[in-house]
Amino acid sequence: MNFHDSEKPQLGCSPYCVHISARVCELCEAIKRNATESGKHNQIKLWAAEIQYLNEMDRMLRRVEAEKTWVEEKDGTLKEVE
């Protein structure tokens, strides 16, 4: 079936948790690789802080998602639930 560009559905994006999880894994691997290197303490501290921020962001997004204060319309727009 051929679709004209105007008939194709809009593409969404992968869930935030996929990106957060992948980034946390990358950071953990970087920490493991650099844990025994001298002069890397500040970089490791920065990576650890980023993991904490990502964890907090994930927690907050999951809470907002659970509250279901919005619904997605068929056209992809969000409508606040009252």
PDB file of N, CA and C in Angstrom:
ATOM      1  N   MET A   1       0.849  -1.178   0.000  1.00  0.00           N
ATOM      2  CA  MET A   1       0.000   0.000   0.000  1.00  0.00           C
ATOM      3  C   MET A   1       0.892   1.237   0.000  1.00  0.00           C
ATOM      4  N   ASN A   2       0.659   2.144  -0.893  1.00  0.00           N
ATOM      5  CA  ASN A   2       1.437   3.382  -0.961  1.00  0.00           C
ATOM      6  C   ASN A   2       0.711   4.492  -0.218  1.00  0.00           C
ATOM      7  N   PHE A   3       1.481   5.192   0.576  1.00  0.00           N
ATOM      8  CA  PHE A   3       0.929   6.325   1.316  1.00  0.00           C
ATOM      9  C   PHE A   3       1.551   7.604   0.788  1.00  0.00           C
ATOM     10  N   HIS A   4       0.750   8.608   0.696  1.00  0.00           N
ATOM     11  CA  HIS A   4       1.296   9.935   0.438  1.00  0.00           C
ATOM     12  C   HIS A   4       1.833  10.462   1.756  1.00  0.00           C
ATOM     13  N   ASP A   5       2.764  11.386   1.695  1.00  0.00           N
ATOM     14  CA  ASP A   5       3.353  11.910   2.926  1.00  0.00           C
ATOM     15  C   ASP A   5       2.308  12.412   3.913  1.00  0.00           C
ATOM     16  N   SER A   6       1.245  13.010   3.412  1.00  0.00           N
ATOM     17  CA  SER A   6       0.235  13.558   4.306  1.00  0.00           C
ATOM     18  C   SER A   6      -0.593  12.463   4.974  1.00  0.00           C
ATOM     19  N   GLU A   7      -0.556  11.226   4.447  1.00  0.00           N
ATOM     20  CA  GLU A   7      -1.340  10.133   5.004  1.00  0.00           C
ATOM     21  C   GLU A   7      -0.559   9.305   6.017  1.00  0.00           C
ATOM     22  N   LYS A   8       0.738   9.483   6.083  1.00  0.00           N
ATOM     23  CA  LYS A   8       1.554   8.694   6.996  1.00  0.00           C
ATOM     24  C   LYS A   8       1.347   9.163   8.429  1.00  0.00           C
ATOM     25  N   PRO A   9       1.257   8.217   9.350  1.00  0.00           N
ATOM     26  CA  PRO A   9       1.119   8.638  10.757  1.00  0.00           C
ATOM     27  C   PRO A   9       2.409   9.270  11.247  1.00  0.00           C
ATOM     28  N   GLN A  10       2.275  10.171  12.200  1.00  0.00           N
ATOM     29  CA  GLN A  10       3.450  10.796  12.781  1.00  0.00           C
ATOM     30  C   GLN A  10       4.182   9.776  13.632  1.00  0.00           C
ATOM     31  N   LEU A  11       5.495   9.828  13.567  1.00  0.00           N
ATOM     32  CA  LEU A  11       6.295   8.929  14.380  1.00  0.00           C
ATOM     33  C   LEU A  11       6.494   9.525  15.758  1.00  0.00           C
ATOM     34  N   GLY A  12       6.417   8.687  16.752  1.00  0.00           N
ATOM     35  CA  GLY A  12       6.665   9.128  18.118  1.00  0.00           C
ATOM     36  C   GLY A  12       8.138   8.990  18.433  1.00  0.00           C
ATOM     37  N   CYS A  13       8.447   8.765  19.661  1.00  0.00           N
ATOM     38  CA  CYS A  13       9.835   8.544  20.061  1.00  0.00           C
ATOM     39  C   CYS A  13       9.850   7.472  21.145  1.00  0.00           C
ATOM     40  N   SER A  14      11.002   6.913  21.371  1.00  0.00           N
ATOM     41  CA  SER A  14      11.105   5.866  22.374  1.00  0.00           C
ATOM     42  C   SER A  14      10.899   6.467  23.763  1.00  0.00           C
ATOM     43  N   PRO A  15      10.426   5.658  24.701  1.00  0.00           N
ATOM     44  CA  PRO A  15      10.152   6.159  26.047  1.00  0.00           C
ATOM     45  C   PRO A  15      11.403   6.681  26.744  1.00  0.00           C
ATOM     46  N   TYR A  16      11.212   7.635  27.627  1.00  0.00           N
ATOM     47  CA  TYR A  16      12.328   8.236  28.360  1.00  0.00           C
ATOM     48  C   TYR A  16      13.129   7.191  29.111  1.00  0.00           C
ATOM     49  N   CYS A  17      12.455   6.170  29.630  1.00  0.00           N
ATOM     50  CA  CYS A  17      13.155   5.178  30.448  1.00  0.00           C
ATOM     51  C   CYS A  17      14.202   4.411  29.642  1.00  0.00           C
ATOM     52  N   VAL A  18      14.007   4.289  28.335  1.00  0.00           N
ATOM     53  CA  VAL A  18      14.997   3.615  27.489  1.00  0.00           C
ATOM     54  C   VAL A  18      16.285   4.431  27.457  1.00  0.00           C
ATOM     55  N   HIS A  19      16.155   5.712  27.244  1.00  0.00           N
ATOM     56  CA  HIS A  19      17.334   6.580  27.169  1.00  0.00           C
ATOM     57  C   HIS A  19      18.018   6.715  28.531  1.00  0.00           C
ATOM     58  N   ILE A  20      17.222   6.855  29.568  1.00  0.00           N
ATOM     59  CA  ILE A  20      17.801   6.983  30.901  1.00  0.00           C
ATOM     60  C   ILE A  20      18.567   5.717  31.265  1.00  0.00           C
ATOM     61  N   SER A  21      17.962   4.574  31.016  1.00  0.00           N
ATOM     62  CA  SER A  21      18.599   3.299  31.340  1.00  0.00           C
ATOM     63  C   SER A  21      19.903   3.110  30.570  1.00  0.00           C
ATOM     64  N   ALA A  22      19.874   3.437  29.285  1.00  0.00           N
ATOM     65  CA  ALA A  22      21.082   3.296  28.455  1.00  0.00           C
ATOM     66  C   ALA A  22      22.197   4.215  28.952  1.00  0.00           C
ATOM     67  N   ARG A  23      21.847   5.444  29.310  1.00  0.00           N
ATOM     68  CA  ARG A  23      22.849   6.396  29.782  1.00  0.00           C
ATOM     69  C   ARG A  23      23.430   5.953  31.119  1.00  0.00           C
ATOM     70  N   VAL A  24      22.582   5.468  32.026  1.00  0.00           N
ATOM     71  CA  VAL A  24      23.080   4.991  33.316  1.00  0.00           C
ATOM     72  C   VAL A  24      24.039   3.827  33.106  1.00  0.00           C
ATOM     73  N   CYS A  25      23.709   2.925  32.207  1.00  0.00           N
ATOM     74  CA  CYS A  25      24.608   1.793  31.911  1.00  0.00           C
ATOM     75  C   CYS A  25      25.949   2.284  31.371  1.00  0.00           C
ATOM     76  N   GLU A  26      25.913   3.271  30.464  1.00  0.00           N
ATOM     77  CA  GLU A  26      27.151   3.837  29.921  1.00  0.00           C
ATOM     78  C   GLU A  26      27.991   4.469  31.026  1.00  0.00           C
ATOM     79  N   LEU A  27      27.348   5.209  31.905  1.00  0.00           N
ATOM     80  CA  LEU A  27      28.060   5.860  33.003  1.00  0.00           C
ATOM     81  C   LEU A  27      28.676   4.838  33.953  1.00  0.00           C
ATOM     82  N   CYS A  28      27.931   3.786  34.251  1.00  0.00           N
ATOM     83  CA  CYS A  28      28.465   2.734  35.134  1.00  0.00           C
ATOM     84  C   CYS A  28      29.687   2.066  34.509  1.00  0.00           C
ATOM     85  N   GLU A  29      29.621   1.797  33.239  1.00  0.00           N
ATOM     86  CA  GLU A  29      30.763   1.191  32.545  1.00  0.00           C
ATOM     87  C   GLU A  29      31.965   2.131  32.564  1.00  0.00           C
ATOM     88  N   ALA A  30      31.723   3.410  32.360  1.00  0.00           N
ATOM     89  CA  ALA A  30      32.815   4.387  32.392  1.00  0.00           C
ATOM     90  C   ALA A  30      33.446   4.459  33.775  1.00  0.00           C
ATOM     91  N   ILE A  31      32.617   4.403  34.800  1.00  0.00           N
ATOM     92  CA  ILE A  31      33.142   4.416  36.176  1.00  0.00           C
ATOM     93  C   ILE A  31      33.993   3.178  36.415  1.00  0.00           C
ATOM     94  N   LYS A  32      33.503   2.019  35.998  1.00  0.00           N
ATOM     95  CA  LYS A  32      34.273   0.784  36.185  1.00  0.00           C
ATOM     96  C   LYS A  32      35.613   0.843  35.455  1.00  0.00           C
ATOM     97  N   ARG A  33      35.615   1.367  34.225  1.00  0.00           N
ATOM     98  CA  ARG A  33      36.855   1.446  33.447  1.00  0.00           C
ATOM     99  C   ARG A  33      37.866   2.403  34.075  1.00  0.00           C
ATOM    100  N   ASN A  34      37.389   3.443  34.694  1.00  0.00           N
ATOM    101  CA  ASN A  34      38.267   4.494  35.208  1.00  0.00           C
ATOM    102  C   ASN A  34      38.517   4.424  36.706  1.00  0.00           C
ATOM    103  N   ALA A  35      37.932   3.458  37.390  1.00  0.00           N
ATOM    104  CA  ALA A  35      38.016   3.390  38.846  1.00  0.00           C
ATOM    105  C   ALA A  35      39.447   3.253  39.355  1.00  0.00           C
ATOM    106  N   THR A  36      40.311   2.619  38.604  1.00  0.00           N
ATOM    107  CA  THR A  36      41.688   2.403  39.063  1.00  0.00           C
ATOM    108  C   THR A  36      42.674   3.384  38.437  1.00  0.00           C
ATOM    109  N   GLU A  37      42.179   4.298  37.624  1.00  0.00           N
ATOM    110  CA  GLU A  37      43.050   5.286  36.978  1.00  0.00           C
ATOM    111  C   GLU A  37      43.286   6.464  37.913  1.00  0.00           C
ATOM    112  N   SER A  38      44.513   6.879  38.005  1.00  0.00           N
ATOM    113  CA  SER A  38      44.789   8.057  38.832  1.00  0.00           C
ATOM    114  C   SER A  38      44.373   9.316  38.061  1.00  0.00           C
ATOM    115  N   GLY A  39      43.943  10.315  38.796  1.00  0.00           N
ATOM    116  CA  GLY A  39      43.534  11.574  38.186  1.00  0.00           C
ATOM    117  C   GLY A  39      42.122  11.567  37.621  1.00  0.00           C
ATOM    118  N   LYS A  40      41.355  10.539  37.881  1.00  0.00           N
ATOM    119  CA  LYS A  40      39.990  10.448  37.336  1.00  0.00           C
ATOM    120  C   LYS A  40      38.912  10.649  38.403  1.00  0.00           C
ATOM    121  N   HIS A  41      39.320  10.994  39.616  1.00  0.00           N
ATOM    122  CA  HIS A  41      38.353  11.099  40.712  1.00  0.00           C
ATOM    123  C   HIS A  41      37.262  12.136  40.441  1.00  0.00           C
ATOM    124  N   ASN A  42      37.636  13.283  39.919  1.00  0.00           N
ATOM    125  CA  ASN A  42      36.632  14.323  39.649  1.00  0.00           C
ATOM    126  C   ASN A  42      35.663  13.888  38.558  1.00  0.00           C
ATOM    127  N   GLN A  43      36.169  13.216  37.527  1.00  0.00           N
ATOM    128  CA  GLN A  43      35.301  12.743  36.449  1.00  0.00           C
ATOM    129  C   GLN A  43      34.325  11.688  36.968  1.00  0.00           C
ATOM    130  N   ILE A  44      34.816  10.790  37.789  1.00  0.00           N
ATOM    131  CA  ILE A  44      33.955   9.751  38.367  1.00  0.00           C
ATOM    132  C   ILE A  44      32.888  10.384  39.254  1.00  0.00           C
ATOM    133  N   LYS A  45      33.271  11.391  40.023  1.00  0.00           N
ATOM    134  CA  LYS A  45      32.305  12.095  40.878  1.00  0.00           C
ATOM    135  C   LYS A  45      31.216  12.750  40.026  1.00  0.00           C
ATOM    136  N   LEU A  46      31.586  13.332  38.904  1.00  0.00           N
ATOM    137  CA  LEU A  46      30.626  13.948  37.991  1.00  0.00           C
ATOM    138  C   LEU A  46      29.679  12.897  37.415  1.00  0.00           C
ATOM    139  N   TRP A  47      30.228  11.762  36.977  1.00  0.00           N
ATOM    140  CA  TRP A  47      29.389  10.689  36.441  1.00  0.00           C
ATOM    141  C   TRP A  47      28.421  10.164  37.495  1.00  0.00           C
ATOM    142  N   ALA A  48      28.890  10.005  38.723  1.00  0.00           N
ATOM    143  CA  ALA A  48      28.032   9.525  39.812  1.00  0.00           C
ATOM    144  C   ALA A  48      26.894  10.521  40.073  1.00  0.00           C
ATOM    145  N   ALA A  49      27.206  11.802  40.031  1.00  0.00           N
ATOM    146  CA  ALA A  49      26.169  12.831  40.221  1.00  0.00           C
ATOM    147  C   ALA A  49      25.148  12.761  39.090  1.00  0.00           C
ATOM    148  N   GLU A  50      25.621  12.538  37.869  1.00  0.00           N
ATOM    149  CA  GLU A  50      24.691  12.429  36.738  1.00  0.00           C
ATOM    150  C   GLU A  50      23.756  11.240  36.933  1.00  0.00           C
ATOM    151  N   ILE A  51      24.278  10.132  37.426  1.00  0.00           N
ATOM    152  CA  ILE A  51      23.427   8.967  37.694  1.00  0.00           C
ATOM    153  C   ILE A  51      22.348   9.331  38.705  1.00  0.00           C
ATOM    154  N   GLN A  52      22.710  10.074  39.738  1.00  0.00           N
ATOM    155  CA  GLN A  52      21.721  10.493  40.741  1.00  0.00           C
ATOM    156  C   GLN A  52      20.649  11.380  40.113  1.00  0.00           C
ATOM    157  N   TYR A  53      21.057  12.321  39.264  1.00  0.00           N
ATOM    158  CA  TYR A  53      20.091  13.198  38.603  1.00  0.00           C
ATOM    159  C   TYR A  53      19.173  12.413  37.667  1.00  0.00           C
ATOM    160  N   LEU A  54      19.742  11.484  36.920  1.00  0.00           N
ATOM    161  CA  LEU A  54      18.932  10.665  36.017  1.00  0.00           C
ATOM    162  C   LEU A  54      17.936   9.813  36.799  1.00  0.00           C
ATOM    163  N   ASN A  55      18.372   9.277  37.922  1.00  0.00           N
ATOM    164  CA  ASN A  55      17.483   8.485  38.763  1.00  0.00           C
ATOM    165  C   ASN A  55      16.321   9.333  39.276  1.00  0.00           C
ATOM    166  N   GLU A  56      16.620  10.542  39.698  1.00  0.00           N
ATOM    167  CA  GLU A  56      15.571  11.439  40.194  1.00  0.00           C
ATOM    168  C   GLU A  56      14.610  11.828  39.075  1.00  0.00           C
ATOM    169  N   MET A  57      15.145  12.095  37.891  1.00  0.00           N
ATOM    170  CA  MET A  57      14.298  12.441  36.754  1.00  0.00           C
ATOM    171  C   MET A  57      13.373  11.270  36.403  1.00  0.00           C
ATOM    172  N   ASP A  58      13.911  10.059  36.403  1.00  0.00           N
ATOM    173  CA  ASP A  58      13.110   8.881  36.113  1.00  0.00           C
ATOM    174  C   ASP A  58      11.994   8.720  37.148  1.00  0.00           C
ATOM    175  N   ARG A  59      12.332   8.901  38.413  1.00  0.00           N
ATOM    176  CA  ARG A  59      11.345   8.792  39.486  1.00  0.00           C
ATOM    177  C   ARG A  59      10.220   9.810  39.307  1.00  0.00           C
ATOM    178  N   MET A  60      10.582  11.042  38.993  1.00  0.00           N
ATOM    179  CA  MET A  60       9.591  12.102  38.815  1.00  0.00           C
ATOM    180  C   MET A  60       8.710  11.844  37.595  1.00  0.00           C
ATOM    181  N   LEU A  61       9.307  11.426  36.495  1.00  0.00           N
ATOM    182  CA  LEU A  61       8.520  11.159  35.285  1.00  0.00           C
ATOM    183  C   LEU A  61       7.558   9.997  35.491  1.00  0.00           C
ATOM    184  N   ARG A  62       8.010   8.970  36.196  1.00  0.00           N
ATOM    185  CA  ARG A  62       7.114   7.843  36.478  1.00  0.00           C
ATOM    186  C   ARG A  62       5.944   8.276  37.356  1.00  0.00           C
ATOM    187  N   ARG A  63       6.201   9.168  38.317  1.00  0.00           N
ATOM    188  CA  ARG A  63       5.123   9.669  39.174  1.00  0.00           C
ATOM    189  C   ARG A  63       4.108  10.461  38.352  1.00  0.00           C
ATOM    190  N   VAL A  64       4.585  11.352  37.489  1.00  0.00           N
ATOM    191  CA  VAL A  64       3.695  12.151  36.648  1.00  0.00           C
ATOM    192  C   VAL A  64       2.893  11.236  35.724  1.00  0.00           C
ATOM    193  N   GLU A  65       3.556  10.254  35.155  1.00  0.00           N
ATOM    194  CA  GLU A  65       2.876   9.318  34.258  1.00  0.00           C
ATOM    195  C   GLU A  65       1.792   8.543  35.005  1.00  0.00           C
ATOM    196  N   ALA A  66       2.067   8.161  36.243  1.00  0.00           N
ATOM    197  CA  ALA A  66       1.097   7.415  37.041  1.00  0.00           C
ATOM    198  C   ALA A  66      -0.113   8.270  37.423  1.00  0.00           C
ATOM    199  N   GLU A  67       0.091   9.577  37.538  1.00  0.00           N
ATOM    200  CA  GLU A  67      -1.017  10.468  37.898  1.00  0.00           C
ATOM    201  C   GLU A  67      -2.028  10.597  36.774  1.00  0.00           C
ATOM    202  N   LYS A  68      -1.609  10.346  35.561  1.00  0.00           N
ATOM    203  CA  LYS A  68      -2.486  10.412  34.386  1.00  0.00           C
ATOM    204  C   LYS A  68      -3.282  11.711  34.375  1.00  0.00           C
ATOM    205  N   THR A  69      -2.582  12.827  34.419  1.00  0.00           N
ATOM    206  CA  THR A  69      -3.238  14.121  34.399  1.00  0.00           C
ATOM    207  C   THR A  69      -3.518  14.588  32.972  1.00  0.00           C
ATOM    208  N   TRP A  70      -3.230  13.714  31.983  1.00  0.00           N
ATOM    209  CA  TRP A  70      -3.434  14.068  30.597  1.00  0.00           C
ATOM    210  C   TRP A  70      -3.765  12.804  29.805  1.00  0.00           C
ATOM    211  N   VAL A  71      -4.414  13.005  28.677  1.00  0.00           N
ATOM    212  CA  VAL A  71      -4.660  11.919  27.739  1.00  0.00           C
ATOM    213  C   VAL A  71      -4.183  12.370  26.369  1.00  0.00           C
ATOM    214  N   GLU A  72      -3.771  11.425  25.578  1.00  0.00           N
ATOM    215  CA  GLU A  72      -3.308  11.751  24.232  1.00  0.00           C
ATOM    216  C   GLU A  72      -4.460  11.572  23.256  1.00  0.00           C
ATOM    217  N   GLU A  73      -4.721  12.615  22.487  1.00  0.00           N
ATOM    218  CA  GLU A  73      -5.765  12.570  21.476  1.00  0.00           C
ATOM    219  C   GLU A  73      -5.275  11.782  20.265  1.00  0.00           C
ATOM    220  N   LYS A  74      -6.184  11.418  19.356  1.00  0.00           N
ATOM    221  CA  LYS A  74      -5.812  10.650  18.167  1.00  0.00           C
ATOM    222  C   LYS A  74      -4.800  11.385  17.298  1.00  0.00           C
ATOM    223  N   ASP A  75      -4.842  12.704  17.308  1.00  0.00           N
ATOM    224  CA  ASP A  75      -3.895  13.479  16.486  1.00  0.00           C
ATOM    225  C   ASP A  75      -2.553  13.688  17.181  1.00  0.00           C
ATOM    226  N   GLY A  76      -2.407  13.110  18.400  1.00  0.00           N
ATOM    227  CA  GLY A  76      -1.129  13.206  19.102  1.00  0.00           C
ATOM    228  C   GLY A  76      -1.029  14.350  20.091  1.00  0.00           C
ATOM    229  N   THR A  77      -2.005  15.208  20.124  1.00  0.00           N
ATOM    230  CA  THR A  77      -1.967  16.313  21.080  1.00  0.00           C
ATOM    231  C   THR A  77      -2.366  15.825  22.461  1.00  0.00           C
ATOM    232  N   LEU A  78      -1.908  16.528  23.461  1.00  0.00           N
ATOM    233  CA  LEU A  78      -2.233  16.157  24.835  1.00  0.00           C
ATOM    234  C   LEU A  78      -3.343  17.034  25.358  1.00  0.00           C
ATOM    235  N   LYS A  79      -4.257  16.414  26.083  1.00  0.00           N
ATOM    236  CA  LYS A  79      -5.380  17.127  26.674  1.00  0.00           C
ATOM    237  C   LYS A  79      -5.354  16.865  28.178  1.00  0.00           C
ATOM    238  N   GLU A  80      -5.422  17.928  28.952  1.00  0.00           N
ATOM    239  CA  GLU A  80      -5.397  17.785  30.405  1.00  0.00           C
ATOM    240  C   GLU A  80      -6.730  17.233  30.892  1.00  0.00           C
ATOM    241  N   VAL A  81      -6.655  16.260  31.791  1.00  0.00           N
ATOM    242  CA  VAL A  81      -7.840  15.660  32.377  1.00  0.00           C
ATOM    243  C   VAL A  81      -8.217  16.474  33.596  1.00  0.00           C
ATOM    244  N   GLU A  82      -9.483  16.791  33.706  1.00  0.00           N
ATOM    245  CA  GLU A  82      -9.929  17.612  34.835  1.00  0.00           C
ATOM    246  C   GLU A  82     -10.563  16.773  35.900  1.00  0.00           C
TER     247      GLU A  82
END
